[in-house]
């Protein structure tokens, strides 16, 4: 098996660890679609998640749950306190192992 980053997990390893109590898996897909004015519209991948996802995975909405919604810019990092609360609401804390994935492009998983 080729060497890989400790930040990545192979599907076989994930399958072996699925029952780990401190493991949280999240689909964090976002789709960028061209808008009528030429700017991209960010669309949550929730509908695709609802159609099917890795067993035990939850959906993590980068724009709605992990971004400062008061900012004029999309995907702006919220305050540390807000981010901590958002992660805690999803069952993420000290000692939690988190696996993030997104459809079509890894951009969204790596952005989180």
N, C-alpha and C. Protein backbone atom coordinates (compact mmCIF):
# COMPACT_ATOMS: atom_id res chain seq x y z
N UNK A 1 0.85 -1.17 0.00
CA UNK A 1 0.00 0.00 0.00
C UNK A 1 0.90 1.24 0.00
N UNK A 2 0.60 2.23 -0.84
CA UNK A 2 1.43 3.44 -0.89
C UNK A 2 1.26 4.27 0.38
N UNK A 3 2.29 4.99 0.71
CA UNK A 3 2.22 5.88 1.88
C UNK A 3 1.23 7.00 1.59
N UNK A 4 0.56 7.46 2.63
CA UNK A 4 -0.38 8.57 2.48
C UNK A 4 -0.39 9.41 3.75
N UNK A 5 -0.98 10.56 3.65
CA UNK A 5 -1.03 11.48 4.77
C UNK A 5 -1.81 10.89 5.94
N UNK A 6 -1.40 11.21 7.14
CA UNK A 6 -2.13 10.78 8.33
C UNK A 6 -3.51 11.47 8.40
N UNK A 7 -3.69 12.52 7.61
CA UNK A 7 -4.97 13.22 7.58
C UNK A 7 -5.98 12.53 6.67
N UNK A 8 -5.56 11.51 5.95
CA UNK A 8 -6.45 10.79 5.05
C UNK A 8 -6.70 9.39 5.58
N UNK A 9 -7.86 8.84 5.26
CA UNK A 9 -8.18 7.48 5.67
C UNK A 9 -8.62 6.70 4.44
N UNK A 10 -8.14 5.49 4.32
CA UNK A 10 -8.54 4.60 3.24
C UNK A 10 -9.93 4.03 3.56
N UNK A 11 -10.70 3.70 2.55
CA UNK A 11 -12.05 3.19 2.77
C UNK A 11 -12.04 1.89 3.59
N UNK A 12 -11.03 1.05 3.39
CA UNK A 12 -10.94 -0.19 4.14
C UNK A 12 -10.74 0.09 5.63
N UNK A 13 -9.90 1.06 5.95
CA UNK A 13 -9.66 1.43 7.35
C UNK A 13 -10.92 2.02 7.96
N UNK A 14 -11.61 2.86 7.22
CA UNK A 14 -12.86 3.43 7.72
C UNK A 14 -13.87 2.33 8.01
N UNK A 15 -13.98 1.37 7.14
CA UNK A 15 -14.91 0.25 7.35
C UNK A 15 -14.58 -0.49 8.64
N UNK A 16 -13.28 -0.67 8.93
CA UNK A 16 -12.88 -1.36 10.17
C UNK A 16 -13.21 -0.54 11.41
N UNK A 17 -13.23 0.78 11.28
CA UNK A 17 -13.42 1.65 12.45
C UNK A 17 -14.85 2.16 12.62
N UNK A 18 -15.77 1.73 11.78
CA UNK A 18 -17.13 2.26 11.79
C UNK A 18 -17.82 2.20 13.16
N UNK A 19 -17.52 1.20 13.96
CA UNK A 19 -18.19 1.04 15.25
C UNK A 19 -17.51 1.81 16.38
N UNK A 20 -16.43 2.51 16.09
CA UNK A 20 -15.71 3.25 17.14
C UNK A 20 -16.62 4.33 17.73
N UNK A 21 -16.76 4.37 19.04
CA UNK A 21 -17.69 5.32 19.66
C UNK A 21 -17.32 6.79 19.46
N UNK A 22 -16.07 7.10 19.28
CA UNK A 22 -15.66 8.50 19.14
C UNK A 22 -15.47 8.92 17.67
N UNK A 23 -16.04 8.13 16.75
CA UNK A 23 -15.92 8.44 15.33
C UNK A 23 -17.17 9.16 14.84
N UNK A 24 -16.97 10.26 14.14
CA UNK A 24 -18.07 11.00 13.50
C UNK A 24 -17.72 11.14 12.03
N UNK A 25 -18.69 10.83 11.18
CA UNK A 25 -18.50 10.92 9.72
C UNK A 25 -19.51 11.93 9.18
N UNK A 26 -19.02 12.81 8.31
CA UNK A 26 -19.88 13.85 7.78
C UNK A 26 -19.72 14.01 6.27
N UNK A 27 -20.85 14.10 5.59
CA UNK A 27 -20.89 14.54 4.21
C UNK A 27 -20.98 16.06 4.28
N UNK A 28 -20.08 16.75 3.62
CA UNK A 28 -20.08 18.22 3.68
C UNK A 28 -20.09 18.83 2.27
N UNK A 29 -20.82 18.18 1.38
CA UNK A 29 -20.87 18.60 -0.02
C UNK A 29 -21.55 19.94 -0.20
N UNK A 30 -20.95 20.75 -1.04
CA UNK A 30 -21.52 22.01 -1.51
C UNK A 30 -21.36 22.00 -3.03
N UNK A 31 -22.38 22.47 -3.72
CA UNK A 31 -22.28 22.59 -5.18
C UNK A 31 -22.25 24.07 -5.55
N UNK A 32 -21.33 24.44 -6.41
CA UNK A 32 -21.29 25.80 -6.94
C UNK A 32 -21.90 25.76 -8.33
N UNK A 33 -22.99 26.50 -8.49
CA UNK A 33 -23.70 26.52 -9.77
C UNK A 33 -23.70 27.94 -10.32
N UNK A 34 -23.49 28.07 -11.62
CA UNK A 34 -23.48 29.42 -12.21
C UNK A 34 -24.85 30.08 -12.08
N UNK A 35 -24.83 31.33 -11.62
CA UNK A 35 -26.07 32.09 -11.50
C UNK A 35 -26.31 32.91 -12.75
N UNK A 36 -27.47 33.53 -12.85
CA UNK A 36 -27.81 34.30 -14.05
C UNK A 36 -26.91 35.52 -14.26
N UNK A 37 -26.31 36.02 -13.18
CA UNK A 37 -25.45 37.20 -13.30
C UNK A 37 -23.97 36.84 -13.49
N UNK A 38 -23.70 35.55 -13.64
CA UNK A 38 -22.32 35.11 -13.84
C UNK A 38 -21.62 34.72 -12.55
N UNK A 39 -22.17 35.09 -11.40
CA UNK A 39 -21.59 34.68 -10.11
C UNK A 39 -22.08 33.28 -9.76
N UNK A 40 -21.27 32.59 -8.98
CA UNK A 40 -21.66 31.25 -8.58
C UNK A 40 -22.60 31.30 -7.38
N UNK A 41 -23.56 30.40 -7.39
CA UNK A 41 -24.50 30.23 -6.29
C UNK A 41 -24.06 28.98 -5.54
N UNK A 42 -23.90 29.10 -4.23
CA UNK A 42 -23.55 27.95 -3.41
C UNK A 42 -24.82 27.22 -3.02
N UNK A 43 -24.85 25.93 -3.35
CA UNK A 43 -26.03 25.12 -3.03
C UNK A 43 -25.62 23.98 -2.11
N UNK A 44 -26.34 23.82 -1.03
CA UNK A 44 -26.07 22.74 -0.10
C UNK A 44 -26.22 21.39 -0.79
N UNK A 45 -25.40 20.45 -0.40
CA UNK A 45 -25.49 19.09 -0.92
C UNK A 45 -26.44 18.21 -0.13
N UNK A 46 -27.25 18.82 0.73
CA UNK A 46 -28.16 18.06 1.61
C UNK A 46 -29.10 17.14 0.82
N UNK A 47 -29.64 17.61 -0.30
CA UNK A 47 -30.57 16.77 -1.08
C UNK A 47 -29.88 15.50 -1.56
N UNK A 48 -28.63 15.60 -1.98
CA UNK A 48 -27.89 14.43 -2.42
C UNK A 48 -27.60 13.51 -1.23
N UNK A 49 -27.27 14.09 -0.09
CA UNK A 49 -27.05 13.31 1.14
C UNK A 49 -28.33 12.53 1.49
N UNK A 50 -29.47 13.20 1.39
CA UNK A 50 -30.75 12.55 1.72
C UNK A 50 -31.04 11.35 0.81
N UNK A 51 -30.52 11.37 -0.40
CA UNK A 51 -30.72 10.25 -1.34
C UNK A 51 -29.87 9.04 -0.96
N UNK A 52 -28.74 9.29 -0.31
CA UNK A 52 -27.86 8.19 0.08
C UNK A 52 -26.53 8.71 0.56
N UNK A 53 -25.96 8.04 1.56
CA UNK A 53 -24.69 8.47 2.14
C UNK A 53 -24.03 7.29 2.84
N UNK A 54 -22.83 7.48 3.28
CA UNK A 54 -22.12 6.46 4.04
C UNK A 54 -22.93 6.14 5.29
N UNK A 55 -23.17 4.87 5.59
CA UNK A 55 -23.95 4.53 6.79
C UNK A 55 -23.36 5.18 8.04
N UNK A 56 -24.23 5.78 8.82
CA UNK A 56 -23.81 6.43 10.06
C UNK A 56 -23.34 7.87 9.88
N UNK A 57 -23.22 8.32 8.64
CA UNK A 57 -22.76 9.69 8.40
C UNK A 57 -23.91 10.67 8.63
N UNK A 58 -23.54 11.86 9.05
CA UNK A 58 -24.48 12.98 9.19
C UNK A 58 -24.10 14.01 8.13
N UNK A 59 -24.94 15.02 7.98
CA UNK A 59 -24.63 16.07 7.02
C UNK A 59 -24.14 17.30 7.78
N UNK A 60 -23.09 17.91 7.30
CA UNK A 60 -22.51 19.10 7.89
C UNK A 60 -22.55 20.20 6.83
N UNK A 61 -23.33 21.23 7.07
CA UNK A 61 -23.53 22.30 6.09
C UNK A 61 -22.55 23.43 6.36
N UNK A 62 -21.52 23.50 5.54
CA UNK A 62 -20.45 24.49 5.71
C UNK A 62 -21.00 25.91 5.72
N UNK A 63 -21.88 26.20 4.80
CA UNK A 63 -22.39 27.57 4.69
C UNK A 63 -23.37 27.93 5.81
N UNK A 64 -24.28 27.03 6.15
CA UNK A 64 -25.32 27.33 7.14
C UNK A 64 -24.88 27.08 8.58
N UNK A 65 -24.01 26.10 8.80
CA UNK A 65 -23.66 25.72 10.18
C UNK A 65 -22.27 26.14 10.62
N UNK A 66 -21.35 26.31 9.68
CA UNK A 66 -19.97 26.59 10.07
C UNK A 66 -19.43 27.89 9.49
N UNK A 67 -20.32 28.78 9.05
CA UNK A 67 -19.90 30.06 8.50
C UNK A 67 -20.59 31.19 9.25
N UNK A 68 -19.94 32.33 9.28
CA UNK A 68 -20.51 33.52 9.91
C UNK A 68 -21.57 34.08 8.98
N UNK A 69 -22.83 33.85 9.31
CA UNK A 69 -23.93 34.28 8.45
C UNK A 69 -24.12 35.80 8.45
N UNK A 70 -23.44 36.49 9.34
CA UNK A 70 -23.54 37.97 9.36
C UNK A 70 -22.56 38.61 8.38
N UNK A 71 -21.62 37.84 7.89
CA UNK A 71 -20.62 38.37 6.96
C UNK A 71 -21.22 38.55 5.57
N UNK A 72 -20.73 39.55 4.87
CA UNK A 72 -21.15 39.76 3.48
C UNK A 72 -20.52 38.73 2.55
N UNK A 73 -19.44 38.09 3.01
CA UNK A 73 -18.73 37.09 2.22
C UNK A 73 -19.17 35.69 2.62
N UNK A 74 -19.29 34.84 1.64
CA UNK A 74 -19.68 33.45 1.91
C UNK A 74 -18.53 32.69 2.59
N UNK A 75 -18.89 31.71 3.37
CA UNK A 75 -17.94 30.78 3.99
C UNK A 75 -16.92 31.47 4.90
N UNK A 76 -17.32 32.56 5.54
CA UNK A 76 -16.44 33.26 6.47
C UNK A 76 -16.42 32.51 7.81
N UNK A 77 -15.24 32.31 8.34
CA UNK A 77 -15.08 31.61 9.60
C UNK A 77 -15.78 32.36 10.73
N UNK A 78 -16.64 31.68 11.50
CA UNK A 78 -17.27 32.35 12.65
C UNK A 78 -16.28 32.47 13.81
N UNK A 79 -16.73 33.09 14.88
CA UNK A 79 -15.87 33.21 16.07
C UNK A 79 -15.57 31.82 16.61
N UNK A 80 -14.50 31.71 17.37
CA UNK A 80 -14.11 30.43 17.96
C UNK A 80 -15.24 29.87 18.83
N UNK A 81 -15.90 30.73 19.59
CA UNK A 81 -17.00 30.29 20.44
C UNK A 81 -18.15 29.71 19.62
N UNK A 82 -18.52 30.39 18.54
CA UNK A 82 -19.60 29.90 17.67
C UNK A 82 -19.21 28.58 17.00
N UNK A 83 -17.98 28.50 16.55
CA UNK A 83 -17.51 27.29 15.89
C UNK A 83 -17.47 26.12 16.88
N UNK A 84 -17.01 26.37 18.09
CA UNK A 84 -16.98 25.34 19.12
C UNK A 84 -18.38 24.82 19.41
N UNK A 85 -19.34 25.72 19.52
CA UNK A 85 -20.73 25.33 19.77
C UNK A 85 -21.30 24.53 18.61
N UNK A 86 -20.99 24.94 17.38
CA UNK A 86 -21.48 24.21 16.20
C UNK A 86 -20.91 22.80 16.16
N UNK A 87 -19.62 22.66 16.44
CA UNK A 87 -19.01 21.33 16.46
C UNK A 87 -19.61 20.49 17.59
N UNK A 88 -19.77 21.06 18.76
CA UNK A 88 -20.34 20.32 19.89
C UNK A 88 -21.75 19.84 19.57
N UNK A 89 -22.53 20.65 18.88
CA UNK A 89 -23.89 20.26 18.50
C UNK A 89 -23.90 19.05 17.56
N UNK A 90 -22.81 18.83 16.87
CA UNK A 90 -22.67 17.69 15.97
C UNK A 90 -21.96 16.51 16.63
N UNK A 91 -21.66 16.62 17.92
CA UNK A 91 -21.00 15.53 18.64
C UNK A 91 -19.50 15.50 18.48
N UNK A 92 -18.93 16.65 18.11
CA UNK A 92 -17.48 16.74 17.92
C UNK A 92 -16.87 17.47 19.11
N UNK A 93 -15.87 16.86 19.72
CA UNK A 93 -15.17 17.47 20.85
C UNK A 93 -13.80 16.84 21.00
N UNK A 94 -13.16 17.11 22.12
CA UNK A 94 -11.86 16.52 22.39
C UNK A 94 -11.98 15.00 22.35
N UNK A 95 -11.07 14.36 21.66
CA UNK A 95 -11.07 12.90 21.58
C UNK A 95 -11.92 12.33 20.46
N UNK A 96 -12.56 13.19 19.69
CA UNK A 96 -13.39 12.73 18.58
C UNK A 96 -12.54 12.62 17.31
N UNK A 97 -12.70 11.53 16.60
CA UNK A 97 -12.09 11.39 15.28
C UNK A 97 -13.16 11.75 14.25
N UNK A 98 -12.82 12.61 13.32
CA UNK A 98 -13.78 13.10 12.33
C UNK A 98 -13.33 12.73 10.94
N UNK A 99 -14.25 12.18 10.16
CA UNK A 99 -14.01 11.89 8.75
C UNK A 99 -14.98 12.76 7.96
N UNK A 100 -14.42 13.54 7.04
CA UNK A 100 -15.21 14.42 6.19
C UNK A 100 -15.09 13.96 4.75
N UNK A 101 -16.20 14.00 4.03
CA UNK A 101 -16.16 13.68 2.61
C UNK A 101 -17.14 14.56 1.86
N UNK A 102 -16.90 14.71 0.57
CA UNK A 102 -17.83 15.46 -0.27
C UNK A 102 -17.85 14.81 -1.65
N UNK A 103 -18.98 14.94 -2.31
CA UNK A 103 -19.17 14.36 -3.65
C UNK A 103 -18.48 15.22 -4.69
N UNK A 104 -18.02 14.58 -5.72
CA UNK A 104 -17.46 15.21 -6.92
C UNK A 104 -16.11 15.88 -6.69
N UNK A 105 -15.91 16.57 -5.59
CA UNK A 105 -14.64 17.25 -5.35
C UNK A 105 -14.32 17.23 -3.86
N UNK A 106 -13.06 17.03 -3.50
CA UNK A 106 -12.69 17.04 -2.08
C UNK A 106 -12.59 18.45 -1.49
N UNK A 107 -12.80 19.45 -2.31
CA UNK A 107 -12.63 20.85 -1.88
C UNK A 107 -13.37 21.15 -0.59
N UNK A 108 -14.60 20.72 -0.49
CA UNK A 108 -15.42 21.09 0.67
C UNK A 108 -14.98 20.37 1.93
N UNK A 109 -14.60 19.12 1.80
CA UNK A 109 -14.10 18.38 2.97
C UNK A 109 -12.80 18.99 3.46
N UNK A 110 -11.93 19.37 2.55
CA UNK A 110 -10.65 19.96 2.96
C UNK A 110 -10.83 21.38 3.46
N UNK A 111 -11.84 22.08 3.00
CA UNK A 111 -12.07 23.45 3.45
C UNK A 111 -12.44 23.48 4.94
N UNK A 112 -13.23 22.50 5.37
CA UNK A 112 -13.60 22.45 6.78
C UNK A 112 -12.36 22.12 7.60
